[in-house]
């Protein structure tokens, strides 16, 4: 659109999986797990992306995903107390995820990009009794191309937020695995 200043993409997906293999924690202390075949799961959602370059030196990109991932038929008959998870949301599967980026290109070869990544609330267990919502994370990336050389500096988790990169719950115990603190990456590349 508008001389390639606006780009957009929308995708809808839907699928049903029979005998999906899942990992279920059987010991919350050691995190020992076993793999099980679930009767049936359903997955559907919409993925969208819009990129706008109002002027040559600025680019804004927003990507948004809405997804519904559910157990359609899943009964744990081997548990001490048998449980029917059918109809529950699948754990660690957020319904919403949004990624926004603002890129500035002030001089030829230099790109400075700020990013905000937001993940919505998600269940962390098959029973849907425990939830987690990761805070929004800010990242900064700079890249400079000069002749055959490329220099880059990335700062991930710019605001040094404490968050969990993975959360799970089993038998009433919730486990949080810490995400990376503010992390700096730098590099130099040369194209032959």
N, C-alpha and C. Protein backbone atom coordinates (compact mmCIF):
# COMPACT_ATOMS: atom_id res chain seq x y z
N UNK A 1 0.83 -1.19 0.00
CA UNK A 1 0.00 0.00 0.00
C UNK A 1 0.87 1.25 0.00
N UNK A 2 0.35 2.33 -0.54
CA UNK A 2 1.00 3.64 -0.46
C UNK A 2 2.49 3.58 -0.78
N UNK A 3 2.81 3.08 -1.97
CA UNK A 3 4.22 2.99 -2.42
C UNK A 3 5.08 2.16 -1.46
N UNK A 4 4.56 1.06 -1.02
CA UNK A 4 5.26 0.15 -0.10
C UNK A 4 5.54 0.76 1.27
N UNK A 5 4.82 1.79 1.65
CA UNK A 5 4.98 2.38 2.98
C UNK A 5 4.13 1.66 4.03
N UNK A 6 3.15 0.88 3.58
CA UNK A 6 2.31 0.11 4.49
C UNK A 6 2.25 -1.33 3.99
N UNK A 7 2.54 -2.26 4.89
CA UNK A 7 2.44 -3.68 4.57
C UNK A 7 1.58 -4.32 5.66
N UNK A 8 0.76 -5.27 5.26
CA UNK A 8 -0.11 -5.95 6.21
C UNK A 8 -0.22 -7.42 5.85
N UNK A 9 -0.45 -8.22 6.87
CA UNK A 9 -0.61 -9.65 6.66
C UNK A 9 -1.57 -10.16 7.73
N UNK A 10 -2.51 -11.01 7.33
CA UNK A 10 -3.45 -11.63 8.26
C UNK A 10 -3.55 -13.10 7.90
N UNK A 11 -3.47 -13.95 8.92
CA UNK A 11 -3.59 -15.39 8.69
C UNK A 11 -4.50 -15.99 9.76
N UNK A 12 -5.38 -16.87 9.34
CA UNK A 12 -6.24 -17.61 10.26
C UNK A 12 -5.84 -19.08 10.17
N UNK A 13 -5.76 -19.73 11.31
CA UNK A 13 -5.43 -21.15 11.29
C UNK A 13 -6.37 -21.92 12.20
N UNK A 14 -6.58 -23.18 11.85
CA UNK A 14 -7.37 -24.08 12.68
C UNK A 14 -6.89 -25.50 12.42
N UNK A 15 -6.78 -26.29 13.48
CA UNK A 15 -6.40 -27.68 13.32
C UNK A 15 -6.85 -28.47 14.54
N UNK A 16 -7.05 -29.74 14.31
CA UNK A 16 -7.38 -30.68 15.37
C UNK A 16 -6.31 -31.76 15.35
N UNK A 17 -5.78 -32.08 16.53
CA UNK A 17 -4.74 -33.11 16.62
C UNK A 17 -5.26 -34.24 17.49
N UNK A 18 -5.20 -35.44 16.96
CA UNK A 18 -5.59 -36.62 17.73
C UNK A 18 -4.33 -37.31 18.22
N UNK A 19 -4.38 -37.82 19.43
CA UNK A 19 -3.24 -38.49 20.07
C UNK A 19 -2.02 -37.58 20.18
N UNK A 20 -2.24 -36.31 20.51
CA UNK A 20 -1.14 -35.37 20.71
C UNK A 20 -0.29 -35.84 21.90
N UNK A 21 1.01 -35.80 21.75
CA UNK A 21 1.91 -36.21 22.83
C UNK A 21 2.22 -34.99 23.68
N UNK A 22 1.99 -35.12 24.99
CA UNK A 22 2.29 -34.04 25.92
C UNK A 22 3.22 -34.56 27.00
N UNK A 23 3.92 -33.65 27.65
CA UNK A 23 4.78 -33.99 28.78
C UNK A 23 4.04 -33.62 30.05
N UNK A 24 3.92 -34.56 30.96
CA UNK A 24 3.23 -34.31 32.23
C UNK A 24 4.21 -34.56 33.37
N UNK A 25 4.35 -33.56 34.26
CA UNK A 25 5.25 -33.69 35.41
C UNK A 25 4.64 -34.68 36.39
N UNK A 26 5.46 -35.66 36.80
CA UNK A 26 4.97 -36.65 37.77
C UNK A 26 5.62 -36.47 39.13
N UNK A 27 6.73 -35.70 39.21
CA UNK A 27 7.37 -35.41 40.49
C UNK A 27 7.75 -33.94 40.52
N UNK A 28 7.00 -33.09 41.28
CA UNK A 28 7.27 -31.66 41.28
C UNK A 28 8.62 -31.28 41.88
N UNK A 29 9.20 -32.16 42.69
CA UNK A 29 10.50 -31.85 43.30
C UNK A 29 11.63 -32.04 42.29
N UNK A 30 11.64 -33.18 41.62
CA UNK A 30 12.71 -33.45 40.66
C UNK A 30 12.36 -33.02 39.25
N UNK A 31 11.11 -32.61 39.04
CA UNK A 31 10.59 -32.24 37.72
C UNK A 31 10.61 -33.42 36.75
N UNK A 32 10.62 -34.64 37.29
CA UNK A 32 10.54 -35.82 36.43
C UNK A 32 9.19 -35.79 35.71
N UNK A 33 9.19 -36.20 34.46
CA UNK A 33 7.96 -36.15 33.68
C UNK A 33 7.81 -37.42 32.85
N UNK A 34 6.62 -37.59 32.34
CA UNK A 34 6.35 -38.70 31.44
C UNK A 34 5.60 -38.16 30.23
N UNK A 35 5.70 -38.85 29.12
CA UNK A 35 5.00 -38.44 27.91
C UNK A 35 3.73 -39.25 27.76
N UNK A 36 2.63 -38.55 27.47
CA UNK A 36 1.33 -39.19 27.33
C UNK A 36 0.68 -38.80 26.01
N UNK A 37 -0.13 -39.70 25.48
CA UNK A 37 -0.96 -39.38 24.33
C UNK A 37 -2.29 -38.84 24.84
N UNK A 38 -2.63 -37.64 24.43
CA UNK A 38 -3.90 -37.03 24.80
C UNK A 38 -4.91 -37.40 23.72
N UNK A 39 -6.14 -37.57 24.12
CA UNK A 39 -7.15 -37.96 23.15
C UNK A 39 -7.24 -37.02 21.97
N UNK A 40 -7.50 -35.72 22.22
CA UNK A 40 -7.66 -34.78 21.11
C UNK A 40 -7.48 -33.35 21.60
N UNK A 41 -6.81 -32.54 20.78
CA UNK A 41 -6.65 -31.11 21.07
C UNK A 41 -7.11 -30.30 19.87
N UNK A 42 -7.55 -29.07 20.14
CA UNK A 42 -7.93 -28.17 19.04
C UNK A 42 -7.11 -26.90 19.15
N UNK A 43 -6.75 -26.35 18.00
CA UNK A 43 -5.91 -25.15 17.92
C UNK A 43 -6.47 -24.25 16.84
N UNK A 44 -6.75 -23.01 17.20
CA UNK A 44 -7.21 -22.05 16.19
C UNK A 44 -6.81 -20.65 16.63
N UNK A 45 -6.67 -19.77 15.65
CA UNK A 45 -6.30 -18.40 15.98
C UNK A 45 -6.09 -17.54 14.76
N UNK A 46 -5.71 -16.30 15.05
CA UNK A 46 -5.45 -15.31 14.02
C UNK A 46 -4.09 -14.67 14.30
N UNK A 47 -3.29 -14.54 13.26
CA UNK A 47 -2.01 -13.85 13.35
C UNK A 47 -2.05 -12.65 12.41
N UNK A 48 -1.69 -11.48 12.92
CA UNK A 48 -1.72 -10.27 12.11
C UNK A 48 -0.39 -9.53 12.22
N UNK A 49 -0.09 -8.77 11.19
CA UNK A 49 1.11 -7.94 11.20
C UNK A 49 0.85 -6.72 10.32
N UNK A 50 1.23 -5.55 10.84
CA UNK A 50 1.16 -4.31 10.07
C UNK A 50 2.50 -3.60 10.22
N UNK A 51 3.08 -3.20 9.10
CA UNK A 51 4.33 -2.44 9.11
C UNK A 51 4.09 -1.14 8.35
N UNK A 52 4.49 -0.03 8.98
CA UNK A 52 4.28 1.29 8.40
C UNK A 52 5.62 2.03 8.39
N UNK A 53 5.95 2.63 7.26
CA UNK A 53 7.14 3.47 7.14
C UNK A 53 6.67 4.85 6.71
N UNK A 54 6.27 5.71 7.67
CA UNK A 54 5.73 7.02 7.31
C UNK A 54 6.73 7.90 6.57
N UNK A 55 8.01 7.75 6.91
CA UNK A 55 9.10 8.43 6.20
C UNK A 55 10.24 7.43 6.05
N UNK A 56 11.22 7.76 5.23
CA UNK A 56 12.30 6.82 4.96
C UNK A 56 13.10 6.43 6.21
N UNK A 57 13.13 7.28 7.22
CA UNK A 57 13.96 7.04 8.40
C UNK A 57 13.23 6.35 9.54
N UNK A 58 11.96 6.02 9.38
CA UNK A 58 11.17 5.44 10.47
C UNK A 58 10.36 4.26 9.96
N UNK A 59 10.34 3.19 10.78
CA UNK A 59 9.52 2.03 10.46
C UNK A 59 8.87 1.53 11.76
N UNK A 60 7.57 1.33 11.74
CA UNK A 60 6.83 0.82 12.90
C UNK A 60 6.19 -0.50 12.48
N UNK A 61 6.39 -1.53 13.30
CA UNK A 61 5.82 -2.84 13.01
C UNK A 61 5.08 -3.34 14.24
N UNK A 62 3.86 -3.80 14.04
CA UNK A 62 3.06 -4.37 15.13
C UNK A 62 2.58 -5.74 14.67
N UNK A 63 2.87 -6.75 15.49
CA UNK A 63 2.39 -8.11 15.23
C UNK A 63 1.54 -8.54 16.42
N UNK A 64 0.40 -9.15 16.13
CA UNK A 64 -0.52 -9.57 17.18
C UNK A 64 -1.06 -10.95 16.86
N UNK A 65 -1.10 -11.80 17.87
CA UNK A 65 -1.63 -13.15 17.71
C UNK A 65 -2.68 -13.42 18.78
N UNK A 66 -3.79 -13.97 18.35
CA UNK A 66 -4.82 -14.46 19.27
C UNK A 66 -4.98 -15.94 18.98
N UNK A 67 -4.86 -16.77 20.01
CA UNK A 67 -4.97 -18.21 19.78
C UNK A 67 -5.79 -18.89 20.87
N UNK A 68 -6.46 -19.93 20.48
CA UNK A 68 -7.23 -20.77 21.39
C UNK A 68 -6.75 -22.20 21.23
N UNK A 69 -6.11 -22.72 22.26
CA UNK A 69 -5.58 -24.09 22.24
C UNK A 69 -6.19 -24.84 23.41
N UNK A 70 -7.02 -25.83 23.11
CA UNK A 70 -7.78 -26.52 24.16
C UNK A 70 -7.65 -28.04 24.06
N UNK A 71 -7.84 -28.67 25.22
CA UNK A 71 -8.01 -30.11 25.25
C UNK A 71 -9.47 -30.41 24.93
N UNK A 72 -9.71 -31.15 23.89
CA UNK A 72 -11.08 -31.54 23.55
C UNK A 72 -11.44 -32.86 24.25
N UNK A 73 -10.45 -33.75 24.34
CA UNK A 73 -10.66 -35.05 24.98
C UNK A 73 -9.37 -35.45 25.67
N UNK A 74 -9.33 -35.30 27.00
CA UNK A 74 -8.12 -35.63 27.76
C UNK A 74 -8.54 -36.01 29.17
N UNK A 75 -8.42 -37.29 29.46
CA UNK A 75 -8.76 -37.80 30.78
C UNK A 75 -7.52 -38.47 31.36
N UNK A 76 -7.10 -38.05 32.56
CA UNK A 76 -5.96 -38.66 33.25
C UNK A 76 -6.52 -39.70 34.21
N UNK A 77 -6.62 -40.91 33.73
CA UNK A 77 -7.20 -41.98 34.54
C UNK A 77 -6.16 -42.68 35.40
N UNK A 78 -4.87 -42.36 35.18
CA UNK A 78 -3.80 -42.99 35.94
C UNK A 78 -3.44 -42.23 37.21
N UNK A 79 -3.97 -41.02 37.36
CA UNK A 79 -3.65 -40.21 38.54
C UNK A 79 -4.29 -40.81 39.79
N UNK A 80 -3.75 -40.44 40.96
CA UNK A 80 -4.32 -40.91 42.23
C UNK A 80 -5.80 -40.56 42.29
N UNK A 81 -6.13 -39.36 41.80
CA UNK A 81 -7.52 -38.95 41.67
C UNK A 81 -7.75 -38.71 40.18
N UNK A 82 -8.46 -39.59 39.49
CA UNK A 82 -8.69 -39.40 38.05
C UNK A 82 -9.32 -38.04 37.77
N UNK A 83 -8.90 -37.41 36.67
CA UNK A 83 -9.38 -36.07 36.36
C UNK A 83 -9.68 -35.96 34.87
N UNK A 84 -10.73 -35.24 34.54
CA UNK A 84 -11.11 -35.02 33.16
C UNK A 84 -10.73 -33.58 32.78
N UNK A 85 -9.74 -33.41 31.93
CA UNK A 85 -9.27 -32.09 31.50
C UNK A 85 -9.98 -31.61 30.24
N UNK A 86 -10.88 -32.41 29.70
CA UNK A 86 -11.57 -32.04 28.46
C UNK A 86 -12.24 -30.68 28.59
N UNK A 87 -12.03 -29.82 27.59
CA UNK A 87 -12.58 -28.46 27.62
C UNK A 87 -11.65 -27.43 28.23
N UNK A 88 -10.57 -27.87 28.88
CA UNK A 88 -9.62 -26.93 29.49
C UNK A 88 -8.66 -26.37 28.45
N UNK A 89 -8.14 -25.18 28.76
CA UNK A 89 -7.12 -24.56 27.92
C UNK A 89 -5.81 -25.31 28.12
N UNK A 90 -5.02 -25.43 27.07
CA UNK A 90 -3.72 -26.07 27.20
C UNK A 90 -2.78 -25.13 27.95
N UNK A 91 -1.95 -25.67 28.85
CA UNK A 91 -1.05 -24.82 29.62
C UNK A 91 0.05 -24.21 28.76
N UNK A 92 0.59 -23.07 29.27
CA UNK A 92 1.69 -22.35 28.62
C UNK A 92 1.36 -21.98 27.19
N UNK A 93 0.11 -21.65 26.96
CA UNK A 93 -0.36 -21.27 25.64
C UNK A 93 -1.18 -19.98 25.76
N UNK A 94 -0.50 -18.84 25.78
CA UNK A 94 -1.23 -17.58 25.97
C UNK A 94 -2.21 -17.31 24.83
N UNK A 95 -3.33 -16.72 25.17
CA UNK A 95 -4.31 -16.39 24.13
C UNK A 95 -3.85 -15.20 23.31
N UNK A 96 -3.10 -14.29 23.94
CA UNK A 96 -2.69 -13.08 23.23
C UNK A 96 -1.18 -12.86 23.33
N UNK A 97 -0.61 -12.40 22.22
CA UNK A 97 0.82 -12.05 22.16
C UNK A 97 0.95 -10.87 21.21
N UNK A 98 1.60 -9.81 21.69
CA UNK A 98 1.79 -8.63 20.84
C UNK A 98 3.26 -8.22 20.87
N UNK A 99 3.78 -7.93 19.69
CA UNK A 99 5.16 -7.48 19.55
C UNK A 99 5.15 -6.20 18.73
N UNK A 100 5.71 -5.13 19.31
CA UNK A 100 5.75 -3.83 18.65
C UNK A 100 7.20 -3.38 18.51
N UNK A 101 7.55 -2.91 17.32
CA UNK A 101 8.92 -2.46 17.07
C UNK A 101 8.91 -1.08 16.40
N UNK A 102 9.82 -0.24 16.85
CA UNK A 102 10.04 1.07 16.25
C UNK A 102 11.49 1.11 15.81
N UNK A 103 11.71 1.24 14.51
CA UNK A 103 13.07 1.28 13.96
C UNK A 103 13.35 2.67 13.42
N UNK A 104 14.51 3.19 13.78
CA UNK A 104 14.99 4.48 13.26
C UNK A 104 16.23 4.21 12.42
N UNK A 105 16.28 4.85 11.25
CA UNK A 105 17.41 4.70 10.34
C UNK A 105 17.97 6.11 10.07
N UNK A 106 18.68 6.69 11.05
CA UNK A 106 19.09 8.09 10.94
C UNK A 106 20.13 8.38 9.87
N UNK A 107 21.03 7.42 9.63
CA UNK A 107 22.04 7.57 8.58
C UNK A 107 22.17 6.25 7.83
N UNK A 108 22.71 6.31 6.65
CA UNK A 108 22.85 5.11 5.83
C UNK A 108 23.63 4.03 6.59
N UNK A 109 23.06 2.83 6.64
CA UNK A 109 23.73 1.69 7.27
C UNK A 109 23.42 1.50 8.74
N UNK A 110 22.87 2.52 9.41
CA UNK A 110 22.60 2.44 10.85
C UNK A 110 21.11 2.20 11.09
N UNK A 111 20.82 1.19 11.89
CA UNK A 111 19.44 0.93 12.29
C UNK A 111 19.39 0.77 13.80
N UNK A 112 18.49 1.52 14.43
CA UNK A 112 18.28 1.45 15.88
C UNK A 112 16.83 1.02 16.07
N UNK A 113 16.63 -0.11 16.74
CA UNK A 113 15.27 -0.64 16.88
C UNK A 113 14.94 -0.89 18.34
N UNK A 114 13.82 -0.32 18.79
CA UNK A 114 13.27 -0.61 20.10
C UNK A 114 12.12 -1.58 19.95
N UNK A 115 11.99 -2.50 20.89
CA UNK A 115 10.96 -3.53 20.81
C UNK A 115 10.27 -3.68 22.15
N UNK A 116 8.95 -3.83 22.12
CA UNK A 116 8.16 -4.19 23.29
C UNK A 116 7.46 -5.49 22.98
N UNK A 117 7.69 -6.52 23.82
CA UNK A 117 7.08 -7.82 23.62
C UNK A 117 6.19 -8.13 24.82
N UNK A 118 4.88 -8.32 24.56
CA UNK A 118 3.90 -8.54 25.62
C UNK A 118 3.21 -9.88 25.38
N UNK A 119 3.19 -10.71 26.40
CA UNK A 119 2.53 -12.00 26.34
C UNK A 119 1.41 -12.00 27.37
N UNK A 120 0.21 -12.38 26.96
CA UNK A 120 -0.95 -12.37 27.85
C UNK A 120 -0.93 -13.48 28.89
N UNK A 121 -1.92 -13.41 29.75
CA UNK A 121 -2.08 -14.40 30.82
C UNK A 121 -2.26 -15.78 30.21
N UNK A 122 -1.71 -16.77 30.90
CA UNK A 122 -1.82 -18.15 30.43
C UNK A 122 -1.93 -19.09 31.60
N UNK A 123 -2.62 -20.19 31.40
CA UNK A 123 -2.67 -21.22 32.42
C UNK A 123 -1.35 -21.97 32.43
N UNK A 124 -0.94 -22.43 33.60
CA UNK A 124 0.33 -23.14 33.71
C UNK A 124 0.15 -24.61 34.08
N UNK A 125 -1.09 -25.03 34.21
CA UNK A 125 -1.37 -26.41 34.56
C UNK A 125 -2.58 -26.92 33.78
N UNK A 126 -2.68 -28.22 33.68
CA UNK A 126 -3.79 -28.83 32.94
C UNK A 126 -5.14 -28.57 33.59
N UNK A 127 -5.17 -28.34 34.91
CA UNK A 127 -6.44 -28.11 35.60
C UNK A 127 -6.96 -26.68 35.41
N UNK A 128 -6.14 -25.79 34.87
CA UNK A 128 -6.49 -24.37 34.67
C UNK A 128 -6.76 -23.66 35.99
N UNK A 129 -6.07 -24.05 37.03
CA UNK A 129 -6.24 -23.40 38.34
C UNK A 129 -5.16 -22.36 38.62
N UNK A 130 -4.02 -22.43 37.94
CA UNK A 130 -2.91 -21.51 38.17
C UNK A 130 -2.59 -20.77 36.88
N UNK A 131 -2.34 -19.46 36.99
CA UNK A 131 -2.03 -18.66 35.80
C UNK A 131 -0.74 -17.87 36.02
N UNK A 132 -0.20 -17.38 34.91
CA UNK A 132 0.98 -16.51 34.94
C UNK A 132 0.86 -15.52 33.79
N UNK A 133 1.23 -14.28 34.06
CA UNK A 133 1.27 -13.27 33.00
C UNK A 133 2.64 -12.61 33.05
N UNK A 134 3.42 -12.86 32.02
CA UNK A 134 4.77 -12.30 31.96
C UNK A 134 4.69 -10.79 31.75
N UNK A 135 5.54 -10.02 32.44
CA UNK A 135 5.54 -8.58 32.18
C UNK A 135 6.06 -8.28 30.78
N UNK A 136 5.69 -7.13 30.26
CA UNK A 136 6.21 -6.71 28.96
C UNK A 136 7.71 -6.52 29.03
N UNK A 137 8.40 -6.95 28.00
CA UNK A 137 9.87 -6.83 27.95
C UNK A 137 10.27 -5.86 26.85
N UNK A 138 11.20 -4.95 27.19
CA UNK A 138 11.75 -4.01 26.23
C UNK A 138 13.13 -4.49 25.79
N UNK A 139 13.37 -4.43 24.50
CA UNK A 139 14.67 -4.82 23.93
C UNK A 139 15.15 -3.69 23.02
N UNK A 140 16.46 -3.56 22.89
CA UNK A 140 17.05 -2.55 22.02
C UNK A 140 18.09 -3.23 21.14
N UNK A 141 18.00 -2.96 19.84
CA UNK A 141 18.96 -3.54 18.90
C UNK A 141 19.51 -2.43 18.01
N UNK A 142 20.82 -2.43 17.83
CA UNK A 142 21.43 -1.51 16.89
C UNK A 142 22.32 -2.32 15.95
N UNK A 143 22.30 -1.93 14.70
CA UNK A 143 23.13 -2.58 13.69
C UNK A 143 23.70 -1.49 12.79
N UNK A 144 24.97 -1.62 12.48
CA UNK A 144 25.60 -0.67 11.55
C UNK A 144 26.34 -1.45 10.48
N UNK A 145 25.96 -1.24 9.24
CA UNK A 145 26.63 -1.87 8.09
C UNK A 145 27.55 -0.85 7.44
N UNK A 146 28.82 -1.21 7.29
CA UNK A 146 29.80 -0.34 6.66
C UNK A 146 30.66 -1.20 5.74
N UNK A 147 30.50 -0.97 4.45
CA UNK A 147 31.17 -1.76 3.41
C UNK A 147 30.88 -3.24 3.64
N UNK A 148 31.88 -4.07 3.82
CA UNK A 148 31.66 -5.50 4.03
C UNK A 148 31.52 -5.85 5.52
N UNK A 149 31.56 -4.84 6.37
CA UNK A 149 31.52 -5.06 7.82
C UNK A 149 30.12 -4.82 8.37
N UNK A 150 29.81 -5.55 9.44
CA UNK A 150 28.57 -5.29 10.18
C UNK A 150 28.91 -5.32 11.67
N UNK A 151 28.42 -4.30 12.38
CA UNK A 151 28.63 -4.19 13.82
C UNK A 151 27.24 -4.18 14.47
N UNK A 152 27.09 -4.88 15.58
CA UNK A 152 25.79 -4.86 16.23
C UNK A 152 25.93 -4.88 17.75
N UNK A 153 24.93 -4.28 18.38
CA UNK A 153 24.82 -4.25 19.84
C UNK A 153 23.35 -4.45 20.16
N UNK A 154 23.05 -5.47 20.96
CA UNK A 154 21.68 -5.76 21.37
C UNK A 154 21.62 -5.74 22.90
N UNK A 155 20.60 -5.11 23.43
CA UNK A 155 20.36 -5.14 24.87
C UNK A 155 18.97 -5.76 25.05
N UNK A 156 18.95 -6.95 25.59
CA UNK A 156 17.69 -7.65 25.80
C UNK A 156 17.24 -7.42 27.25
N UNK A 157 15.93 -7.32 27.45
CA UNK A 157 15.35 -7.01 28.76
C UNK A 157 15.96 -5.70 29.28
N UNK A 158 15.83 -4.68 28.48
CA UNK A 158 16.44 -3.38 28.74
C UNK A 158 16.13 -2.83 30.13
N UNK A 159 14.90 -3.00 30.59
CA UNK A 159 14.51 -2.46 31.90
C UNK A 159 14.80 -3.44 33.05
N UNK A 160 15.46 -4.55 32.74
CA UNK A 160 15.90 -5.54 33.74
C UNK A 160 14.73 -6.05 34.59
N UNK A 161 13.61 -6.38 33.92
CA UNK A 161 12.43 -6.89 34.62
C UNK A 161 12.67 -8.33 35.08
N UNK A 162 12.16 -8.65 36.25
CA UNK A 162 12.20 -10.02 36.72
C UNK A 162 10.97 -10.73 36.15
N UNK A 163 11.20 -11.88 35.55
CA UNK A 163 10.10 -12.62 34.94
C UNK A 163 10.48 -14.09 34.87
N UNK A 164 9.49 -14.92 34.60
CA UNK A 164 9.73 -16.35 34.43
C UNK A 164 9.69 -16.65 32.93
N UNK A 165 10.68 -17.39 32.47
CA UNK A 165 10.70 -17.78 31.06
C UNK A 165 9.86 -19.04 30.85
N UNK A 166 9.62 -19.78 31.93
CA UNK A 166 8.83 -20.99 31.85
C UNK A 166 8.18 -21.20 33.21
N UNK A 167 6.90 -21.51 33.23
CA UNK A 167 6.16 -21.76 34.46
C UNK A 167 5.35 -23.03 34.27
N UNK A 168 5.40 -23.89 35.26
CA UNK A 168 4.58 -25.10 35.18
C UNK A 168 4.03 -25.41 36.56
N UNK A 169 2.97 -26.16 36.58
CA UNK A 169 2.36 -26.57 37.84
C UNK A 169 1.91 -28.00 37.71
N UNK A 170 2.09 -28.73 38.78
CA UNK A 170 1.65 -30.12 38.80
C UNK A 170 1.33 -30.49 40.23
N UNK A 171 0.20 -31.10 40.41
CA UNK A 171 -0.23 -31.56 41.73
C UNK A 171 -0.23 -30.42 42.75
N UNK A 172 -0.58 -29.19 42.28
CA UNK A 172 -0.70 -28.04 43.18
C UNK A 172 0.58 -27.28 43.43
N UNK A 173 1.70 -27.73 42.90
CA UNK A 173 2.98 -27.04 43.09
C UNK A 173 3.33 -26.28 41.81
N UNK A 174 3.61 -24.98 41.95
CA UNK A 174 3.96 -24.14 40.81
C UNK A 174 5.47 -23.94 40.79
N UNK A 175 6.09 -24.15 39.64
CA UNK A 175 7.53 -23.96 39.48
C UNK A 175 7.78 -22.82 38.50
N UNK A 176 8.65 -21.89 38.89
CA UNK A 176 9.01 -20.74 38.06
C UNK A 176 10.47 -20.86 37.68
N UNK A 177 10.76 -20.73 36.39
CA UNK A 177 12.14 -20.76 35.91
C UNK A 177 12.48 -19.35 35.46
N UNK A 178 13.47 -18.73 36.13
CA UNK A 178 13.74 -17.31 35.86
C UNK A 178 14.19 -17.03 34.44
N UNK A 179 13.71 -15.90 33.91
CA UNK A 179 14.15 -15.42 32.62
C UNK A 179 15.46 -14.68 32.76
N UNK A 180 16.07 -14.37 31.65
CA UNK A 180 17.36 -13.69 31.67
C UNK A 180 17.22 -12.25 32.16
N UNK A 181 18.17 -11.80 32.98
CA UNK A 181 18.19 -10.39 33.36
C UNK A 181 18.64 -9.55 32.15
N UNK A 182 18.83 -8.28 32.37
CA UNK A 182 19.33 -7.44 31.26
C UNK A 182 20.60 -8.09 30.71
N UNK A 183 20.62 -8.31 29.40
CA UNK A 183 21.73 -9.02 28.78
C UNK A 183 22.20 -8.24 27.55
N UNK A 184 23.51 -8.07 27.44
CA UNK A 184 24.10 -7.32 26.34
C UNK A 184 24.80 -8.29 25.39
N UNK A 185 24.59 -8.08 24.11
CA UNK A 185 25.28 -8.85 23.07
C UNK A 185 25.92 -7.85 22.11
N UNK A 186 27.15 -8.14 21.71
CA UNK A 186 27.83 -7.29 20.73
C UNK A 186 28.56 -8.20 19.76
N UNK A 187 28.70 -7.72 18.54
CA UNK A 187 29.39 -8.56 17.57
C UNK A 187 29.86 -7.76 16.36
N UNK A 188 30.74 -8.40 15.64
CA UNK A 188 31.28 -7.84 14.41
C UNK A 188 31.24 -8.96 13.36
N UNK A 189 30.81 -8.61 12.16
CA UNK A 189 30.80 -9.59 11.08
C UNK A 189 31.45 -9.02 9.83
N UNK A 190 31.96 -9.91 9.02
CA UNK A 190 32.58 -9.50 7.76
C UNK A 190 32.08 -10.42 6.68
N UNK A 191 31.62 -9.82 5.56
CA UNK A 191 31.13 -10.63 4.43
C UNK A 191 32.25 -10.74 3.40
N UNK A 192 32.60 -11.96 3.04
CA UNK A 192 33.68 -12.20 2.07
C UNK A 192 33.22 -11.94 0.68
